[in-house]
Protein backbone atom coordinates (compact mmCIF):
# COMPACT_ATOMS: atom_id res chain seq x y z
CA MET A 1 16.10 -25.49 11.17
CA SER A 2 18.38 -22.93 12.70
CA ASP A 3 19.32 -22.81 16.35
CA GLU A 4 19.35 -19.99 18.89
CA ARG A 5 23.01 -19.21 18.17
CA SER A 6 22.01 -18.02 14.69
CA GLY A 7 19.26 -15.78 16.06
CA PHE A 8 16.31 -18.09 15.40
CA VAL A 9 14.12 -20.06 17.76
CA PRO A 10 14.09 -23.76 16.79
CA VAL A 11 10.54 -24.89 16.11
CA ASP A 12 8.67 -28.09 15.30
CA THR A 13 6.39 -27.76 12.26
CA GLY A 14 3.47 -29.40 14.09
CA LEU A 15 3.86 -27.00 16.99
CA VAL A 16 4.04 -24.07 14.59
CA LEU A 17 0.84 -25.05 12.82
CA GLN A 18 -1.15 -25.99 15.91
CA THR A 19 -0.14 -23.45 18.52
CA LEU A 20 2.40 -20.76 17.70
CA VAL A 21 0.86 -19.54 14.46
CA GLU A 22 -2.63 -19.47 15.97
CA ARG A 23 -1.37 -17.59 19.01
CA MET A 24 0.44 -15.02 16.89
CA PHE A 25 -2.49 -14.72 14.50
CA GLY A 26 -4.81 -14.02 17.44
CA LEU A 27 -2.48 -11.35 18.82
CA VAL A 28 -2.20 -9.66 15.41
CA GLU A 29 -5.96 -9.75 14.87
CA GLY A 30 -6.49 -8.20 18.30
CA ARG A 31 -4.54 -5.15 17.15
CA ARG A 32 -5.89 -4.71 13.64
CA ASP A 33 -8.04 -1.75 14.66
CA ASP A 34 -5.00 0.11 16.02
CA PRO A 35 -3.67 2.13 13.08
CA PRO A 36 0.08 2.61 12.79
CA ALA A 37 1.55 6.05 13.30
CA GLU A 38 2.50 8.25 10.38
CA PRO A 39 4.54 7.90 8.21
CA VAL A 40 4.30 4.11 8.58
CA ALA A 41 0.58 4.29 7.81
CA THR A 42 1.39 6.01 4.51
CA LEU A 43 3.87 3.27 3.57
CA LEU A 44 1.33 0.56 4.37
CA THR A 45 -1.57 2.14 2.46
CA ALA A 46 0.33 3.54 -0.53
CA THR A 47 -0.92 2.29 -3.88
CA ASN A 48 2.59 2.55 -5.28
CA PRO A 49 4.22 0.09 -5.21
CA ARG A 50 1.43 -2.38 -5.98
CA LEU A 51 2.44 -5.95 -5.22
CA THR A 52 -0.66 -7.79 -6.47
CA GLU A 53 -3.73 -7.23 -8.61
CA ALA A 54 -5.90 -7.24 -5.48
CA GLU A 55 -7.86 -4.13 -4.59
CA PRO A 56 -5.71 -1.58 -2.72
CA PRO A 57 -7.69 -1.87 0.56
CA LEU A 58 -7.03 -5.63 0.72
CA GLU A 59 -3.36 -5.15 -0.05
CA ALA A 60 -3.15 -2.44 2.64
CA ASP A 61 -4.85 -4.73 5.18
CA LEU A 62 -2.36 -7.51 4.46
CA ARG A 63 0.55 -5.08 4.73
CA HIS A 64 -0.77 -3.96 8.12
CA ALA A 65 -1.06 -7.60 9.25
CA GLY A 66 2.55 -8.30 8.25
CA TYR A 67 3.70 -5.17 10.07
CA LEU A 68 1.85 -6.20 13.21
CA ALA A 69 3.24 -9.73 12.94
CA ARG A 70 6.75 -8.34 13.37
CA VAL A 71 5.60 -6.21 16.32
CA VAL A 72 4.19 -9.35 17.97
CA GLU A 73 7.37 -11.34 17.27
CA VAL A 74 9.49 -8.78 19.07
CA GLU A 75 7.21 -9.02 22.09
CA LEU A 76 7.21 -12.83 22.15
CA PHE A 77 10.79 -13.78 21.25
CA GLU A 78 13.97 -12.40 22.77
CA PRO A 79 16.08 -13.07 19.64
CA ALA A 80 13.60 -10.99 17.60
CA ARG A 81 14.50 -7.90 19.63
CA ARG A 82 17.69 -7.47 17.61
CA PRO A 83 17.35 -5.53 14.35
CA ALA A 84 18.41 -7.27 11.14
CA ALA A 85 22.08 -6.36 10.66
CA TRP A 86 21.88 -6.43 6.85
CA ILE A 87 19.09 -3.86 6.49
CA PRO A 88 21.10 -0.64 7.12
CA ASP A 89 23.43 -1.15 4.15
CA MET A 90 20.54 -2.01 1.83
CA LEU A 91 18.56 1.04 2.99
CA THR A 92 21.53 3.33 2.52
CA GLU A 93 21.99 1.96 -1.00
CA ARG A 94 18.29 2.59 -1.83
CA PHE A 95 18.43 6.08 -0.28
CA ALA A 96 21.17 7.03 -2.74
CA SER A 97 18.66 6.66 -5.59
CA THR A 98 15.47 7.93 -3.90
CA ALA A 99 14.23 11.26 -2.61
CA THR A 100 13.55 10.35 1.03
CA TRP A 101 14.13 7.63 3.61
CA ASP A 102 10.45 6.70 3.27
CA ASP A 103 10.96 6.15 -0.47
CA ALA A 104 14.04 4.05 0.30
CA VAL A 105 12.06 1.90 2.75
CA ALA A 106 9.20 1.42 0.27
CA ALA A 107 11.58 0.47 -2.55
CA LEU A 108 13.54 -1.98 -0.41
CA CYS A 109 10.46 -3.61 1.13
CA ALA A 110 8.83 -4.08 -2.28
CA GLU A 111 12.02 -5.65 -3.63
CA LEU A 112 12.31 -8.00 -0.65
CA ALA A 113 8.63 -9.00 -0.83
CA ARG A 114 8.87 -9.73 -4.56
CA SER A 115 12.03 -11.83 -4.24
CA GLU A 116 10.74 -14.01 -1.40
CA PRO A 117 9.45 -17.45 -2.45
CA LEU A 118 5.66 -17.75 -2.35
CA GLY A 119 5.98 -21.29 -1.00
CA LYS A 120 7.61 -22.33 2.27
CA PRO A 121 11.09 -20.77 2.10
CA SER A 122 14.25 -22.76 2.65
CA PRO A 123 16.65 -21.41 5.28
CA ASP A 124 19.40 -21.81 2.66
CA ASP A 125 17.62 -19.68 0.03
CA LEU A 126 19.40 -16.31 -0.12
CA ALA A 127 16.27 -14.72 -1.60
CA ALA A 128 14.30 -15.74 1.51
CA ARG A 129 15.15 -12.69 3.58
CA SER A 130 12.38 -13.65 6.01
CA TRP A 131 14.91 -16.15 7.37
CA GLN A 132 17.47 -13.39 7.85
CA VAL A 133 15.49 -11.26 10.30
CA PRO A 134 16.13 -12.39 13.91
CA GLY A 135 13.16 -14.19 15.44
CA PRO A 136 11.15 -17.36 14.89
CA GLY A 137 12.30 -17.83 11.29
CA GLY A 138 10.94 -17.97 7.78
CA HIS A 139 8.71 -21.00 8.25
CA VAL A 140 6.75 -19.38 11.09
CA ARG A 141 6.34 -16.24 9.03
CA HIS A 142 5.26 -18.23 5.99
CA PHE A 143 2.60 -20.13 7.94
CA LEU A 144 1.41 -16.96 9.65
CA ALA A 145 1.07 -15.18 6.30
CA ARG A 146 -0.88 -18.16 4.92
CA ARG A 147 -3.13 -18.22 7.99
CA THR A 148 -3.85 -14.52 7.53
CA ILE A 149 -4.59 -14.95 3.81
CA GLU A 150 -6.93 -17.89 4.52
CA ASP A 151 -8.82 -15.75 7.01
CA TYR A 152 -9.17 -12.90 4.52
CA LEU A 153 -10.38 -15.22 1.77
CA SER A 154 -12.89 -17.16 3.87
CA GLY A 155 -16.36 -16.41 2.59
CA VAL A 156 -15.06 -14.73 -0.57
CA GLU A 157 -16.74 -16.12 -3.68
CA ALA A 158 -13.92 -15.33 -6.10
CA PRO A 159 -10.28 -14.86 -5.02
CA PRO A 160 -9.00 -11.33 -5.75
CA VAL A 161 -5.93 -12.74 -7.55
CA ASP A 162 -5.26 -15.71 -9.82
CA ASP A 163 -3.08 -17.40 -7.20
CA PRO A 164 -3.93 -16.63 -3.54
CA ALA A 165 -0.28 -17.32 -2.65
CA GLU A 166 0.52 -13.97 -4.30
CA LEU A 167 -1.14 -12.27 -1.34
CA LYS A 168 1.90 -13.24 0.71
CA ARG A 169 3.79 -10.38 -0.97
CA PRO A 170 1.89 -7.50 0.65
CA TRP A 171 2.06 -9.31 4.01
CA LEU A 172 5.84 -9.56 3.63
CA TYR A 173 6.06 -5.92 2.56
CA GLY A 174 4.49 -4.87 5.87
CA PHE A 175 6.74 -7.25 7.78
CA PHE A 176 9.83 -5.73 6.17
CA VAL A 177 8.56 -2.16 6.77
CA ARG A 178 8.61 -2.93 10.48
CA ALA A 179 12.05 -4.55 10.23
CA CYS A 180 13.34 -1.40 8.49
CA GLU A 181 11.72 0.80 11.12
CA GLU A 182 13.55 -1.17 13.83
CA SER A 183 16.88 -0.72 12.07
CA LEU A 184 16.34 3.01 11.60
CA ALA A 185 15.21 3.45 15.20
CA ALA A 186 18.43 1.71 16.30
CA GLY A 187 20.40 4.39 14.44
CA ALA A 188 20.91 2.54 11.18
CA ALA A 189 21.69 4.83 8.25
CA GLY A 190 21.62 7.80 10.59
CA ALA A 191 17.89 8.49 10.36
CA ALA A 192 14.57 7.39 11.75
CA LEU A 193 11.62 6.50 9.51
CA GLY A 194 9.98 9.76 8.60
CA GLY A 195 12.73 11.79 10.25
CA GLU A 196 15.15 14.26 8.78
CA GLU A 197 16.75 13.33 5.50
């Protein structure tokens, strides 16, 4: 795995599964009743883009969980407090073909969520952008998404999608919404989420 010099906290898989993921999951769950501010709430609950065949409320809940996961990361890990340096250029590129910054964020986050592997991502996989956001790394995020999905599906008679791993996509969408929000708040692309165009 990566080291602190690359912006990631080195982790042991056993530690991740037994302690870190559970701790983060608990912190996220403790905030689930706190709705995000507008316009982030609109991005998280929008039915377009749809990332799975699950009912929109479930997809919105998973998006919110992914968003909160990034909030928790920033609180727990010093390296996570740096915005992802690659996001501003990608947002600016999307903004050139959309009507608003919110549309640019939604388009970029959907693209990133769809390109991410559904399985445990390799740090060397260029499509695994979850590895390219400063913080605990793609494996922690993968296991946290899986833990969240397992919780949502416990007690459900029939899964809402053919492959439950697909539910990682809305979780990642929310995660990337927060990463975009951080970049915009830091002055990236010259605008804040929901601010002036």
